Amino acid sequence: MRRLLYLLPFLLFIGVGVAFFLGFERDPRDIPSALIDKPAPTFDLPAIPGQMVQGQPAQGQPGAGLSSAKLAGDVTLVNVFASWCIPCKAEHPVITRLSREQGVTVYGINYKDKPEDALTWLSRNGNPYAAIGADQDGRVSIDWGVYGVPESYLIDRKGRIRFKHVGPLTPQVVEEQILPMVKHLRQG
């Protein structure tokens, strides 16, 4: 019985070590979302203050900004970004290519950003978004389950979230995950 008592700390140490080691095998971006296969949250965000749409100020124009109503009808990607986000700048060419060359409608949620910074960033880097909603207080992003930027969500024709990617989109993620899923959702 005493031998077992001496072995207990050793066995506990081995168990904790194995659990710790196996924890490193997981990718922190593979966080399951409770929203997968559920409708996108209901929201209605204004355009970024000062944003222009077809040469006119977007504020006050019907349909300016981004709402959940715009997400139904086609397979779309919602990208949560900010001008202060360094990984957002790294993924921006990938988002632009996805929107302009690969035929995916991309909507943007501008997260907790100063309007002038967001507009400067879009002017400098290009605007690949079909529409942008300004989430200045971050409440809508919380409803989406966002805990950092960038994050992207693939939305099906019925407005349901079908895929979530945490972190910057890469060409590999687009080619291996997003485009095949877009094709599948458009056919189905």
C-alpha atoms as a PDB file:
ATOM      1  CA  MET A   1       0.000   0.000   0.000  1.00  0.00           C
ATOM      2  CA  ARG A   2       2.872   2.380   0.823  1.00  0.00           C
ATOM      3  CA  ARG A   3       4.477   1.692  -2.567  1.00  0.00           C
ATOM      4  CA  LEU A   4       1.283   2.790  -4.248  1.00  0.00           C
ATOM      5  CA  LEU A   5       1.337   5.972  -2.202  1.00  0.00           C
ATOM      6  CA  TYR A   6       4.883   6.701  -3.419  1.00  0.00           C
ATOM      7  CA  LEU A   7       3.900   5.992  -7.026  1.00  0.00           C
ATOM      8  CA  LEU A   8       0.897   8.317  -6.937  1.00  0.00           C
ATOM      9  CA  PRO A   9       2.861  11.603  -7.417  1.00  0.00           C
ATOM     10  CA  PHE A  10       4.847  10.048 -10.252  1.00  0.00           C
ATOM     11  CA  LEU A  11       1.689   8.816 -11.999  1.00  0.00           C
ATOM     12  CA  LEU A  12       0.061  12.205 -11.501  1.00  0.00           C
ATOM     13  CA  PHE A  13       3.125  13.917 -12.996  1.00  0.00           C
ATOM     14  CA  ILE A  14       3.045  11.606 -16.037  1.00  0.00           C
ATOM     15  CA  GLY A  15      -0.703  12.205 -16.501  1.00  0.00           C
ATOM     16  CA  VAL A  16      -0.333  15.992 -16.383  1.00  0.00           C
ATOM     17  CA  GLY A  17       2.643  15.811 -18.772  1.00  0.00           C
ATOM     18  CA  VAL A  18       0.700  13.750 -21.309  1.00  0.00           C
ATOM     19  CA  ALA A  19      -2.308  16.079 -21.101  1.00  0.00           C
ATOM     20  CA  PHE A  20      -0.027  19.109 -21.484  1.00  0.00           C
ATOM     21  CA  PHE A  21       1.762  17.579 -24.478  1.00  0.00           C
ATOM     22  CA  LEU A  22      -1.485  16.642 -26.228  1.00  0.00           C
ATOM     23  CA  GLY A  23      -2.722  20.192 -25.744  1.00  0.00           C
ATOM     24  CA  PHE A  24       0.049  21.421 -28.056  1.00  0.00           C
ATOM     25  CA  GLU A  25      -1.321  19.288 -30.879  1.00  0.00           C
ATOM     26  CA  ARG A  26      -4.380  21.505 -31.201  1.00  0.00           C
ATOM     27  CA  ASP A  27      -4.530  24.543 -33.438  1.00  0.00           C
ATOM     28  CA  PRO A  28      -5.855  27.526 -31.440  1.00  0.00           C
ATOM     29  CA  ARG A  29      -7.702  28.727 -34.563  1.00  0.00           C
ATOM     30  CA  ASP A  30      -9.785  25.519 -34.578  1.00  0.00           C
ATOM     31  CA  ILE A  31     -12.260  26.875 -32.081  1.00  0.00           C
ATOM     32  CA  PRO A  32     -15.703  25.407 -32.536  1.00  0.00           C
ATOM     33  CA  SER A  33     -18.421  27.978 -33.027  1.00  0.00           C
ATOM     34  CA  ALA A  34     -21.869  27.467 -31.570  1.00  0.00           C
ATOM     35  CA  LEU A  35     -23.205  29.455 -34.544  1.00  0.00           C
ATOM     36  CA  ILE A  36     -22.254  26.979 -37.282  1.00  0.00           C
ATOM     37  CA  ASP A  37     -25.399  25.940 -39.214  1.00  0.00           C
ATOM     38  CA  LYS A  38     -27.426  28.578 -37.374  1.00  0.00           C
ATOM     39  CA  PRO A  39     -28.802  31.828 -38.834  1.00  0.00           C
ATOM     40  CA  ALA A  40     -26.411  34.760 -38.801  1.00  0.00           C
ATOM     41  CA  PRO A  41     -27.239  37.143 -35.960  1.00  0.00           C
ATOM     42  CA  THR A  42     -29.807  39.814 -36.725  1.00  0.00           C
ATOM     43  CA  PHE A  43     -28.107  43.192 -37.003  1.00  0.00           C
ATOM     44  CA  ASP A  44     -28.223  46.534 -38.783  1.00  0.00           C
ATOM     45  CA  LEU A  45     -24.971  48.500 -38.846  1.00  0.00           C
ATOM     46  CA  PRO A  46     -24.528  51.977 -40.331  1.00  0.00           C
ATOM     47  CA  ALA A  47     -21.911  52.736 -42.950  1.00  0.00           C
ATOM     48  CA  ILE A  48     -18.583  54.081 -41.741  1.00  0.00           C
ATOM     49  CA  PRO A  49     -19.177  57.787 -41.059  1.00  0.00           C
ATOM     50  CA  GLY A  50     -17.767  59.698 -44.023  1.00  0.00           C
ATOM     51  CA  GLN A  51     -17.888  56.682 -46.350  1.00  0.00           C
ATOM     52  CA  MET A  52     -18.897  57.466 -49.930  1.00  0.00           C
ATOM     53  CA  VAL A  53     -21.161  55.253 -52.043  1.00  0.00           C
ATOM     54  CA  GLN A  54     -21.334  56.112 -55.743  1.00  0.00           C
ATOM     55  CA  GLY A  55     -19.870  59.558 -55.037  1.00  0.00           C
ATOM     56  CA  GLN A  56     -22.396  60.409 -52.308  1.00  0.00           C
ATOM     57  CA  PRO A  57     -22.049  60.222 -48.516  1.00  0.00           C
ATOM     58  CA  ALA A  58     -23.234  56.780 -47.423  1.00  0.00           C
ATOM     59  CA  GLN A  59     -24.766  57.993 -44.161  1.00  0.00           C
ATOM     60  CA  GLY A  60     -28.503  58.314 -44.598  1.00  0.00           C
ATOM     61  CA  GLN A  61     -28.640  56.515 -47.968  1.00  0.00           C
ATOM     62  CA  PRO A  62     -31.101  53.629 -48.105  1.00  0.00           C
ATOM     63  CA  GLY A  63     -29.197  50.356 -47.861  1.00  0.00           C
ATOM     64  CA  ALA A  64     -25.945  51.998 -46.763  1.00  0.00           C
ATOM     65  CA  GLY A  65     -24.050  50.016 -44.180  1.00  0.00           C
ATOM     66  CA  LEU A  66     -24.589  46.328 -43.552  1.00  0.00           C
ATOM     67  CA  SER A  67     -27.506  44.365 -42.181  1.00  0.00           C
ATOM     68  CA  SER A  68     -28.353  40.703 -41.820  1.00  0.00           C
ATOM     69  CA  ALA A  69     -30.956  41.140 -44.580  1.00  0.00           C
ATOM     70  CA  LYS A  70     -28.147  41.577 -47.144  1.00  0.00           C
ATOM     71  CA  LEU A  71     -26.664  38.178 -46.308  1.00  0.00           C
ATOM     72  CA  ALA A  72     -29.464  36.023 -47.709  1.00  0.00           C
ATOM     73  CA  GLY A  73     -29.803  35.075 -51.373  1.00  0.00           C
ATOM     74  CA  ASP A  74     -26.219  34.153 -52.308  1.00  0.00           C
ATOM     75  CA  VAL A  75     -23.215  32.545 -50.692  1.00  0.00           C
ATOM     76  CA  THR A  76     -21.242  35.375 -49.098  1.00  0.00           C
ATOM     77  CA  LEU A  77     -18.254  35.935 -46.858  1.00  0.00           C
ATOM     78  CA  VAL A  78     -18.392  38.297 -43.885  1.00  0.00           C
ATOM     79  CA  ASN A  79     -14.963  39.579 -42.864  1.00  0.00           C
ATOM     80  CA  VAL A  80     -14.419  41.335 -39.533  1.00  0.00           C
ATOM     81  CA  PHE A  81     -11.497  43.761 -39.839  1.00  0.00           C
ATOM     82  CA  ALA A  82      -9.954  46.937 -38.430  1.00  0.00           C
ATOM     83  CA  SER A  83      -7.372  49.460 -39.605  1.00  0.00           C
ATOM     84  CA  TRP A  84      -5.290  48.910 -36.451  1.00  0.00           C
ATOM     85  CA  CYS A  85      -5.143  45.140 -37.044  1.00  0.00           C
ATOM     86  CA  ILE A  86      -1.800  44.068 -38.523  1.00  0.00           C
ATOM     87  CA  PRO A  87      -3.019  40.583 -39.610  1.00  0.00           C
ATOM     88  CA  CYS A  88      -5.953  42.306 -41.371  1.00  0.00           C
ATOM     89  CA  LYS A  89      -3.489  44.118 -43.612  1.00  0.00           C
ATOM     90  CA  ALA A  90      -1.726  40.825 -44.344  1.00  0.00           C
ATOM     91  CA  GLU A  91      -4.992  39.153 -45.400  1.00  0.00           C
ATOM     92  CA  HIS A  92      -6.334  42.137 -47.356  1.00  0.00           C
ATOM     93  CA  PRO A  93      -4.856  41.076 -50.737  1.00  0.00           C
ATOM     94  CA  VAL A  94      -6.423  37.636 -50.243  1.00  0.00           C
ATOM     95  CA  ILE A  95      -9.831  39.206 -49.488  1.00  0.00           C
ATOM     96  CA  THR A  96      -9.456  41.482 -52.525  1.00  0.00           C
ATOM     97  CA  ARG A  97      -8.617  38.552 -54.811  1.00  0.00           C
ATOM     98  CA  LEU A  98     -11.526  36.530 -53.412  1.00  0.00           C
ATOM     99  CA  SER A  99     -13.901  39.403 -54.122  1.00  0.00           C
ATOM    100  CA  ARG A 100     -12.610  40.634 -57.473  1.00  0.00           C
ATOM    101  CA  GLU A 101     -11.175  37.536 -59.161  1.00  0.00           C
ATOM    102  CA  GLN A 102     -12.906  34.575 -57.572  1.00  0.00           C
ATOM    103  CA  GLY A 103     -16.480  35.852 -57.617  1.00  0.00           C
ATOM    104  CA  VAL A 104     -17.303  35.727 -53.930  1.00  0.00           C
ATOM    105  CA  THR A 105     -19.340  38.608 -52.499  1.00  0.00           C
ATOM    106  CA  VAL A 106     -17.485  39.857 -49.424  1.00  0.00           C
ATOM    107  CA  TYR A 107     -19.082  42.050 -46.774  1.00  0.00           C
ATOM    108  CA  GLY A 108     -17.083  43.813 -44.082  1.00  0.00           C
ATOM    109  CA  ILE A 109     -17.709  44.545 -40.436  1.00  0.00           C
ATOM    110  CA  ASN A 110     -15.338  47.299 -39.343  1.00  0.00           C
ATOM    111  CA  TYR A 111     -14.588  46.477 -35.706  1.00  0.00           C
ATOM    112  CA  LYS A 112     -14.043  49.180 -33.051  1.00  0.00           C
ATOM    113  CA  ASP A 113     -12.290  51.518 -35.453  1.00  0.00           C
ATOM    114  CA  LYS A 114     -12.044  55.280 -35.739  1.00  0.00           C
ATOM    115  CA  PRO A 115     -13.974  56.255 -38.892  1.00  0.00           C
ATOM    116  CA  GLU A 116     -11.154  58.385 -40.297  1.00  0.00           C
ATOM    117  CA  ASP A 117      -8.632  55.566 -39.754  1.00  0.00           C
ATOM    118  CA  ALA A 118     -10.911  53.019 -41.437  1.00  0.00           C
ATOM    119  CA  LEU A 119     -11.510  55.285 -44.443  1.00  0.00           C
ATOM    120  CA  THR A 120      -7.787  56.043 -44.818  1.00  0.00           C
ATOM    121  CA  TRP A 121      -6.979  52.335 -44.583  1.00  0.00           C
ATOM    122  CA  LEU A 122      -9.571  51.454 -47.251  1.00  0.00           C
ATOM    123  CA  SER A 123      -8.383  54.293 -49.484  1.00  0.00           C
ATOM    124  CA  ARG A 124      -4.762  53.145 -49.202  1.00  0.00           C
ATOM    125  CA  ASN A 125      -5.376  49.384 -49.520  1.00  0.00           C
ATOM    126  CA  GLY A 126      -8.511  49.258 -51.681  1.00  0.00           C
ATOM    127  CA  ASN A 127     -12.087  48.395 -50.823  1.00  0.00           C
ATOM    128  CA  PRO A 128     -13.043  44.838 -51.793  1.00  0.00           C
ATOM    129  CA  TYR A 129     -16.288  44.904 -49.786  1.00  0.00           C
ATOM    130  CA  ALA A 130     -19.757  44.993 -51.335  1.00  0.00           C
ATOM    131  CA  ALA A 131     -20.876  46.825 -48.179  1.00  0.00           C
ATOM    132  CA  ILE A 132     -19.325  47.688 -44.831  1.00  0.00           C
ATOM    133  CA  GLY A 133     -20.998  48.093 -41.464  1.00  0.00           C
ATOM    134  CA  ALA A 134     -19.312  50.122 -38.733  1.00  0.00           C
ATOM    135  CA  ASP A 135     -19.394  48.218 -35.431  1.00  0.00           C
ATOM    136  CA  GLN A 136     -17.871  50.989 -33.356  1.00  0.00           C
ATOM    137  CA  ASP A 137     -18.866  49.601 -29.962  1.00  0.00           C
ATOM    138  CA  GLY A 138     -18.276  45.931 -30.877  1.00  0.00           C
ATOM    139  CA  ARG A 139     -21.722  44.704 -29.829  1.00  0.00           C
ATOM    140  CA  VAL A 140     -22.633  43.136 -33.178  1.00  0.00           C
ATOM    141  CA  SER A 141     -19.272  41.385 -33.322  1.00  0.00           C
ATOM    142  CA  ILE A 142     -19.955  39.897 -29.891  1.00  0.00           C
ATOM    143  CA  ASP A 143     -23.213  38.478 -31.262  1.00  0.00           C
ATOM    144  CA  TRP A 144     -21.166  36.853 -34.035  1.00  0.00           C
ATOM    145  CA  GLY A 145     -18.811  35.306 -31.481  1.00  0.00           C
ATOM    146  CA  VAL A 146     -15.843  37.446 -32.492  1.00  0.00           C
ATOM    147  CA  TYR A 147     -13.091  37.661 -29.916  1.00  0.00           C
ATOM    148  CA  GLY A 148     -10.359  39.096 -32.134  1.00  0.00           C
ATOM    149  CA  VAL A 149      -9.756  40.331 -35.644  1.00  0.00           C
ATOM    150  CA  PRO A 150      -9.605  39.246 -38.337  1.00  0.00           C
ATOM    151  CA  GLU A 151     -12.320  36.635 -38.418  1.00  0.00           C
ATOM    152  CA  SER A 152     -14.315  35.490 -41.438  1.00  0.00           C
ATOM    153  CA  TYR A 153     -17.648  33.713 -41.781  1.00  0.00           C
ATOM    154  CA  LEU A 154     -19.061  31.939 -44.804  1.00  0.00           C
ATOM    155  CA  ILE A 155     -22.819  32.450 -45.083  1.00  0.00           C
ATOM    156  CA  ASP A 156     -25.096  30.261 -47.217  1.00  0.00           C
ATOM    157  CA  ARG A 157     -28.030  31.434 -49.362  1.00  0.00           C
ATOM    158  CA  LYS A 158     -30.436  31.142 -46.462  1.00  0.00           C
ATOM    159  CA  GLY A 159     -28.318  33.380 -44.250  1.00  0.00           C
ATOM    160  CA  ARG A 160     -26.860  30.597 -42.093  1.00  0.00           C
ATOM    161  CA  ILE A 161     -23.253  30.538 -40.919  1.00  0.00           C
ATOM    162  CA  ARG A 162     -21.570  27.525 -42.486  1.00  0.00           C
ATOM    163  CA  PHE A 163     -17.877  28.145 -41.745  1.00  0.00           C
ATOM    164  CA  LYS A 164     -15.789  30.297 -39.422  1.00  0.00           C
ATOM    165  CA  HIS A 165     -12.109  31.114 -39.795  1.00  0.00           C
ATOM    166  CA  VAL A 166     -10.193  32.752 -36.966  1.00  0.00           C
ATOM    167  CA  GLY A 167      -7.141  34.729 -38.027  1.00  0.00           C
ATOM    168  CA  PRO A 168      -6.030  36.031 -41.391  1.00  0.00           C
ATOM    169  CA  LEU A 169      -7.217  34.250 -44.516  1.00  0.00           C
ATOM    170  CA  THR A 170      -4.387  32.787 -46.554  1.00  0.00           C
ATOM    171  CA  PRO A 171      -4.361  31.615 -50.173  1.00  0.00           C
ATOM    172  CA  GLN A 172      -4.191  28.051 -48.839  1.00  0.00           C
ATOM    173  CA  VAL A 173      -7.319  28.478 -46.661  1.00  0.00           C
ATOM    174  CA  VAL A 174      -9.174  30.071 -49.584  1.00  0.00           C
ATOM    175  CA  GLU A 175      -8.172  27.337 -52.069  1.00  0.00           C
ATOM    176  CA  GLU A 176      -8.576  24.332 -49.761  1.00  0.00           C
ATOM    177  CA  GLN A 177     -11.545  25.345 -47.627  1.00  0.00           C
ATOM    178  CA  ILE A 178     -13.483  28.414 -48.703  1.00  0.00           C
ATOM    179  CA  LEU A 179     -13.741  28.028 -52.495  1.00  0.00           C
ATOM    180  CA  PRO A 180     -14.732  24.323 -52.355  1.00  0.00           C
ATOM    181  CA  MET A 181     -17.369  25.162 -49.750  1.00  0.00           C
ATOM    182  CA  VAL A 182     -18.650  28.112 -51.823  1.00  0.00           C
ATOM    183  CA  LYS A 183     -18.959  25.815 -54.840  1.00  0.00           C
ATOM    184  CA  HIS A 184     -20.748  23.151 -52.792  1.00  0.00           C
ATOM    185  CA  LEU A 185     -23.166  25.656 -51.232  1.00  0.00           C
ATOM    186  CA  ARG A 186     -23.965  27.276 -54.590  1.00  0.00           C
ATOM    187  CA  GLN A 187     -24.732  23.873 -56.137  1.00  0.00           C
ATOM    188  CA  GLY A 188     -26.785  22.642 -53.209  1.00  0.00           C
END
